[in-house]
Amino acid sequence: MPAANTQFSIAIHVLAALAHYEGFFTSEHLAGSVNANPIFVKRILVKLSKANLVDSAVGKSGGYALARSPESISLLDIFSAVDPPSTPAVHAYPINVDCVISSNIKDVMADVLTDIQKAVERELRETTLANVVSRIKAKAE
C-alpha cells in the first residue's frame, strides 16, 4: 500500500495555526506545532505561498502569515495548492467480452469515481479555514 500523503492535513494545520495565533511565524515555529521536519513544512509553505494563501517575509522578523481571511480560504483552495495524489482510477486490464461485469465495470466505475470527486470537491469548497479553526476551538474548551 502506498504511503499516505499528509501534505493536505499539514497545510491545514499550518494555516489553522496562522489563523488562530495571527501574525508572522517562521517555518521552524510552525513545524514545532505540527511536530514535523521544518524542511518538509517549509516545502508546504512554499506551495501555499505560490497559491497566494500565505504571505512570506524575509529577514530577522520574517516568516509566514495568512494572505487572506480564514473565511475566504476554502479547503478546496488548500487541497489544490498542495496538489495531493489524484483520486482512485479504474484499472486498465483488458475487457473480457464474455463477462457482463468486465464489459461494463470501467464505464460504471468512471461515473462513480467522477461523482465521488465532485462530492469531495463540493464539501471542500463549502468548508473554510475559519470553520476548521472554529471546530478546533470548540474541541479545546
C-alpha atoms as a PDB file:
ATOM      1  CA  MET A   1       0.000   0.000   0.000  1.00  0.00           C
ATOM      2  CA  PRO A   2       1.438   3.412  -0.912  1.00  0.00           C
ATOM      3  CA  ALA A   3       2.412   5.821   1.824  1.00  0.00           C
ATOM      4  CA  ALA A   4      -0.260   8.305   2.820  1.00  0.00           C
ATOM      5  CA  ASN A   5       0.152  11.860   1.569  1.00  0.00           C
ATOM      6  CA  THR A   6      -0.131  14.118   4.599  1.00  0.00           C
ATOM      7  CA  GLN A   7       0.560  17.425   2.845  1.00  0.00           C
ATOM      8  CA  PHE A   8      -3.116  18.444   2.826  1.00  0.00           C
ATOM      9  CA  SER A   9      -3.609  17.891   6.551  1.00  0.00           C
ATOM     10  CA  ILE A  10      -0.278  19.546   7.374  1.00  0.00           C
ATOM     11  CA  ALA A  11      -1.202  22.532   5.198  1.00  0.00           C
ATOM     12  CA  ILE A  12      -4.494  22.871   7.091  1.00  0.00           C
ATOM     13  CA  HIS A  13      -2.631  22.515  10.406  1.00  0.00           C
ATOM     14  CA  VAL A  14      -0.181  25.291   9.485  1.00  0.00           C
ATOM     15  CA  LEU A  15      -2.890  27.598   8.147  1.00  0.00           C
ATOM     16  CA  ALA A  16      -5.086  26.965  11.198  1.00  0.00           C
ATOM     17  CA  ALA A  17      -2.158  27.928  13.437  1.00  0.00           C
ATOM     18  CA  LEU A  18      -1.604  31.120  11.424  1.00  0.00           C
ATOM     19  CA  ALA A  19      -5.325  31.926  11.619  1.00  0.00           C
ATOM     20  CA  HIS A  20      -5.589  31.223  15.333  1.00  0.00           C
ATOM     21  CA  TYR A  21      -2.442  32.942  16.548  1.00  0.00           C
ATOM     22  CA  GLU A  22      -2.344  35.715  13.893  1.00  0.00           C
ATOM     23  CA  GLY A  23       0.920  37.328  12.870  1.00  0.00           C
ATOM     24  CA  PHE A  24       4.121  36.128  11.219  1.00  0.00           C
ATOM     25  CA  PHE A  25       5.666  32.816  12.212  1.00  0.00           C
ATOM     26  CA  THR A  26       8.782  31.067  10.949  1.00  0.00           C
ATOM     27  CA  SER A  27       8.598  27.678   9.283  1.00  0.00           C
ATOM     28  CA  GLU A  28      10.551  26.301  12.267  1.00  0.00           C
ATOM     29  CA  HIS A  29       7.924  27.595  14.689  1.00  0.00           C
ATOM     30  CA  LEU A  30       5.097  26.179  12.582  1.00  0.00           C
ATOM     31  CA  ALA A  31       6.947  22.864  12.239  1.00  0.00           C
ATOM     32  CA  GLY A  32       7.046  22.759  16.040  1.00  0.00           C
ATOM     33  CA  SER A  33       3.248  22.952  16.118  1.00  0.00           C
ATOM     34  CA  VAL A  34       2.985  20.139  13.592  1.00  0.00           C
ATOM     35  CA  ASN A  35       5.853  18.262  15.284  1.00  0.00           C
ATOM     36  CA  ALA A  36       7.343  17.640  11.843  1.00  0.00           C
ATOM     37  CA  ASN A  37      10.561  18.306   9.993  1.00  0.00           C
ATOM     38  CA  PRO A  38      10.923  22.072   9.336  1.00  0.00           C
ATOM     39  CA  ILE A  39      12.182  21.446   5.788  1.00  0.00           C
ATOM     40  CA  PHE A  40       9.052  19.431   4.969  1.00  0.00           C
ATOM     41  CA  VAL A  41       6.825  22.156   6.456  1.00  0.00           C
ATOM     42  CA  LYS A  42       8.754  24.826   4.527  1.00  0.00           C
ATOM     43  CA  ARG A  43       8.073  22.954   1.251  1.00  0.00           C
ATOM     44  CA  ILE A  44       4.361  23.042   2.019  1.00  0.00           C
ATOM     45  CA  LEU A  45       4.547  26.738   2.942  1.00  0.00           C
ATOM     46  CA  VAL A  46       6.186  27.464  -0.414  1.00  0.00           C
ATOM     47  CA  LYS A  47       3.243  25.779  -2.170  1.00  0.00           C
ATOM     48  CA  LEU A  48       0.787  27.769  -0.046  1.00  0.00           C
ATOM     49  CA  SER A  49       2.671  30.947  -0.882  1.00  0.00           C
ATOM     50  CA  LYS A  50       2.548  30.214  -4.621  1.00  0.00           C
ATOM     51  CA  ALA A  51      -1.214  29.735  -4.268  1.00  0.00           C
ATOM     52  CA  ASN A  52      -1.472  33.132  -2.533  1.00  0.00           C
ATOM     53  CA  LEU A  53      -2.752  31.592   0.688  1.00  0.00           C
ATOM     54  CA  VAL A  54       0.171  32.825   2.783  1.00  0.00           C
ATOM     55  CA  ASP A  55       2.398  35.875   2.627  1.00  0.00           C
ATOM     56  CA  SER A  56       6.071  35.481   3.369  1.00  0.00           C
ATOM     57  CA  ALA A  57       8.578  37.996   4.646  1.00  0.00           C
ATOM     58  CA  VAL A  58      12.332  37.598   4.792  1.00  0.00           C
ATOM     59  CA  GLY A  59      14.720  38.950   7.344  1.00  0.00           C
ATOM     60  CA  LYS A  60      15.073  38.867  11.104  1.00  0.00           C
ATOM     61  CA  SER A  61      11.354  39.351  11.767  1.00  0.00           C
ATOM     62  CA  GLY A  62      10.308  37.343   8.714  1.00  0.00           C
ATOM     63  CA  GLY A  63       8.056  34.384   8.448  1.00  0.00           C
ATOM     64  CA  TYR A  64       4.639  33.465   7.163  1.00  0.00           C
ATOM     65  CA  ALA A  65       1.175  34.885   7.712  1.00  0.00           C
ATOM     66  CA  LEU A  66      -2.229  34.352   6.127  1.00  0.00           C
ATOM     67  CA  ALA A  67      -2.630  36.237   2.862  1.00  0.00           C
ATOM     68  CA  ARG A  68      -6.434  36.277   3.179  1.00  0.00           C
ATOM     69  CA  SER A  69      -9.036  35.972   5.876  1.00  0.00           C
ATOM     70  CA  PRO A  70      -9.737  32.437   7.114  1.00  0.00           C
ATOM     71  CA  GLU A  71     -13.351  32.874   5.951  1.00  0.00           C
ATOM     72  CA  SER A  72     -12.171  33.365   2.363  1.00  0.00           C
ATOM     73  CA  ILE A  73      -9.891  30.301   2.233  1.00  0.00           C
ATOM     74  CA  SER A  74     -11.730  27.103   1.361  1.00  0.00           C
ATOM     75  CA  LEU A  75     -10.345  23.654   1.942  1.00  0.00           C
ATOM     76  CA  LEU A  76     -10.516  23.238  -1.839  1.00  0.00           C
ATOM     77  CA  ASP A  77      -8.086  26.177  -2.148  1.00  0.00           C
ATOM     78  CA  ILE A  78      -5.719  24.374   0.216  1.00  0.00           C
ATOM     79  CA  PHE A  79      -6.252  20.986  -1.428  1.00  0.00           C
ATOM     80  CA  SER A  80      -5.468  22.484  -4.836  1.00  0.00           C
ATOM     81  CA  ALA A  81      -2.376  24.273  -3.517  1.00  0.00           C
ATOM     82  CA  VAL A  82      -0.635  21.179  -2.206  1.00  0.00           C
ATOM     83  CA  ASP A  83      -1.617  19.044  -5.205  1.00  0.00           C
ATOM     84  CA  PRO A  84      -2.309  15.778  -3.428  1.00  0.00           C
ATOM     85  CA  PRO A  85      -2.475  12.481  -5.296  1.00  0.00           C
ATOM     86  CA  SER A  86      -5.376  12.085  -7.675  1.00  0.00           C
ATOM     87  CA  THR A  87      -8.460  10.079  -6.874  1.00  0.00           C
ATOM     88  CA  PRO A  88      -8.589   6.329  -7.496  1.00  0.00           C
ATOM     89  CA  ALA A  89      -8.599   5.263 -11.123  1.00  0.00           C
ATOM     90  CA  VAL A  90     -10.298   2.442 -12.961  1.00  0.00           C
ATOM     91  CA  HIS A  91      -7.976  -0.458 -13.724  1.00  0.00           C
ATOM     92  CA  ALA A  92      -6.543  -0.823 -17.213  1.00  0.00           C
ATOM     93  CA  TYR A  93      -6.846  -4.593 -17.626  1.00  0.00           C
ATOM     94  CA  PRO A  94      -8.353  -5.744 -20.927  1.00  0.00           C
ATOM     95  CA  ILE A  95     -12.083  -6.346 -21.078  1.00  0.00           C
ATOM     96  CA  ASN A  96     -13.336  -9.934 -21.085  1.00  0.00           C
ATOM     97  CA  VAL A  97     -16.216  -9.649 -23.568  1.00  0.00           C
ATOM     98  CA  ASP A  98     -17.737 -12.877 -22.247  1.00  0.00           C
ATOM     99  CA  CYS A  99     -18.282 -11.310 -18.814  1.00  0.00           C
ATOM    100  CA  VAL A 100     -21.051  -8.766 -18.189  1.00  0.00           C
ATOM    101  CA  ILE A 101     -19.095  -7.252 -15.266  1.00  0.00           C
ATOM    102  CA  SER A 102     -15.863  -6.927 -17.217  1.00  0.00           C
ATOM    103  CA  SER A 103     -17.696  -5.452 -20.199  1.00  0.00           C
ATOM    104  CA  ASN A 104     -19.310  -2.680 -18.136  1.00  0.00           C
ATOM    105  CA  ILE A 105     -17.280  -2.063 -14.993  1.00  0.00           C
ATOM    106  CA  LYS A 106     -14.982   0.571 -16.482  1.00  0.00           C
ATOM    107  CA  ASP A 107     -17.799   2.846 -17.674  1.00  0.00           C
ATOM    108  CA  VAL A 108     -19.765   2.434 -14.459  1.00  0.00           C
ATOM    109  CA  MET A 109     -16.735   2.977 -12.205  1.00  0.00           C
ATOM    110  CA  ALA A 110     -15.643   6.032 -14.219  1.00  0.00           C
ATOM    111  CA  ASP A 111     -19.066   7.551 -13.488  1.00  0.00           C
ATOM    112  CA  VAL A 112     -18.953   6.539  -9.807  1.00  0.00           C
ATOM    113  CA  LEU A 113     -15.463   7.979  -9.338  1.00  0.00           C
ATOM    114  CA  THR A 114     -16.480  11.216 -11.066  1.00  0.00           C
ATOM    115  CA  ASP A 115     -19.457  11.526  -8.715  1.00  0.00           C
ATOM    116  CA  ILE A 116     -17.219  10.910  -5.695  1.00  0.00           C
ATOM    117  CA  GLN A 117     -14.719  13.513  -6.883  1.00  0.00           C
ATOM    118  CA  LYS A 118     -17.492  16.083  -7.367  1.00  0.00           C
ATOM    119  CA  ALA A 119     -18.858  15.375  -3.878  1.00  0.00           C
ATOM    120  CA  VAL A 120     -15.422  15.740  -2.289  1.00  0.00           C
ATOM    121  CA  GLU A 121     -14.755  18.998  -4.155  1.00  0.00           C
ATOM    122  CA  ARG A 122     -18.182  20.371  -3.162  1.00  0.00           C
ATOM    123  CA  GLU A 123     -17.524  19.584   0.512  1.00  0.00           C
ATOM    124  CA  LEU A 124     -14.027  21.095   0.353  1.00  0.00           C
ATOM    125  CA  ARG A 125     -15.360  24.215  -1.389  1.00  0.00           C
ATOM    126  CA  GLU A 126     -18.061  24.704   1.263  1.00  0.00           C
ATOM    127  CA  THR A 127     -15.715  24.255   4.249  1.00  0.00           C
ATOM    128  CA  THR A 128     -13.471  27.195   5.108  1.00  0.00           C
ATOM    129  CA  LEU A 129     -10.347  27.523   7.174  1.00  0.00           C
ATOM    130  CA  ALA A 130     -12.461  29.564   9.604  1.00  0.00           C
ATOM    131  CA  ASN A 131     -14.790  26.546  10.009  1.00  0.00           C
ATOM    132  CA  VAL A 132     -11.806  24.338  10.885  1.00  0.00           C
ATOM    133  CA  VAL A 133     -10.393  26.850  13.380  1.00  0.00           C
ATOM    134  CA  SER A 134     -13.820  27.213  14.987  1.00  0.00           C
ATOM    135  CA  ARG A 135     -14.103  23.423  15.387  1.00  0.00           C
ATOM    136  CA  ILE A 136     -10.606  23.270  16.899  1.00  0.00           C
ATOM    137  CA  LYS A 137     -11.505  25.987  19.414  1.00  0.00           C
ATOM    138  CA  ALA A 138     -14.735  24.165  20.325  1.00  0.00           C
ATOM    139  CA  LYS A 139     -12.814  20.927  20.993  1.00  0.00           C
ATOM    140  CA  ALA A 140     -10.263  22.788  23.132  1.00  0.00           C
ATOM    141  CA  GLU A 141     -12.940  24.114  25.507  1.00  0.00           C
END
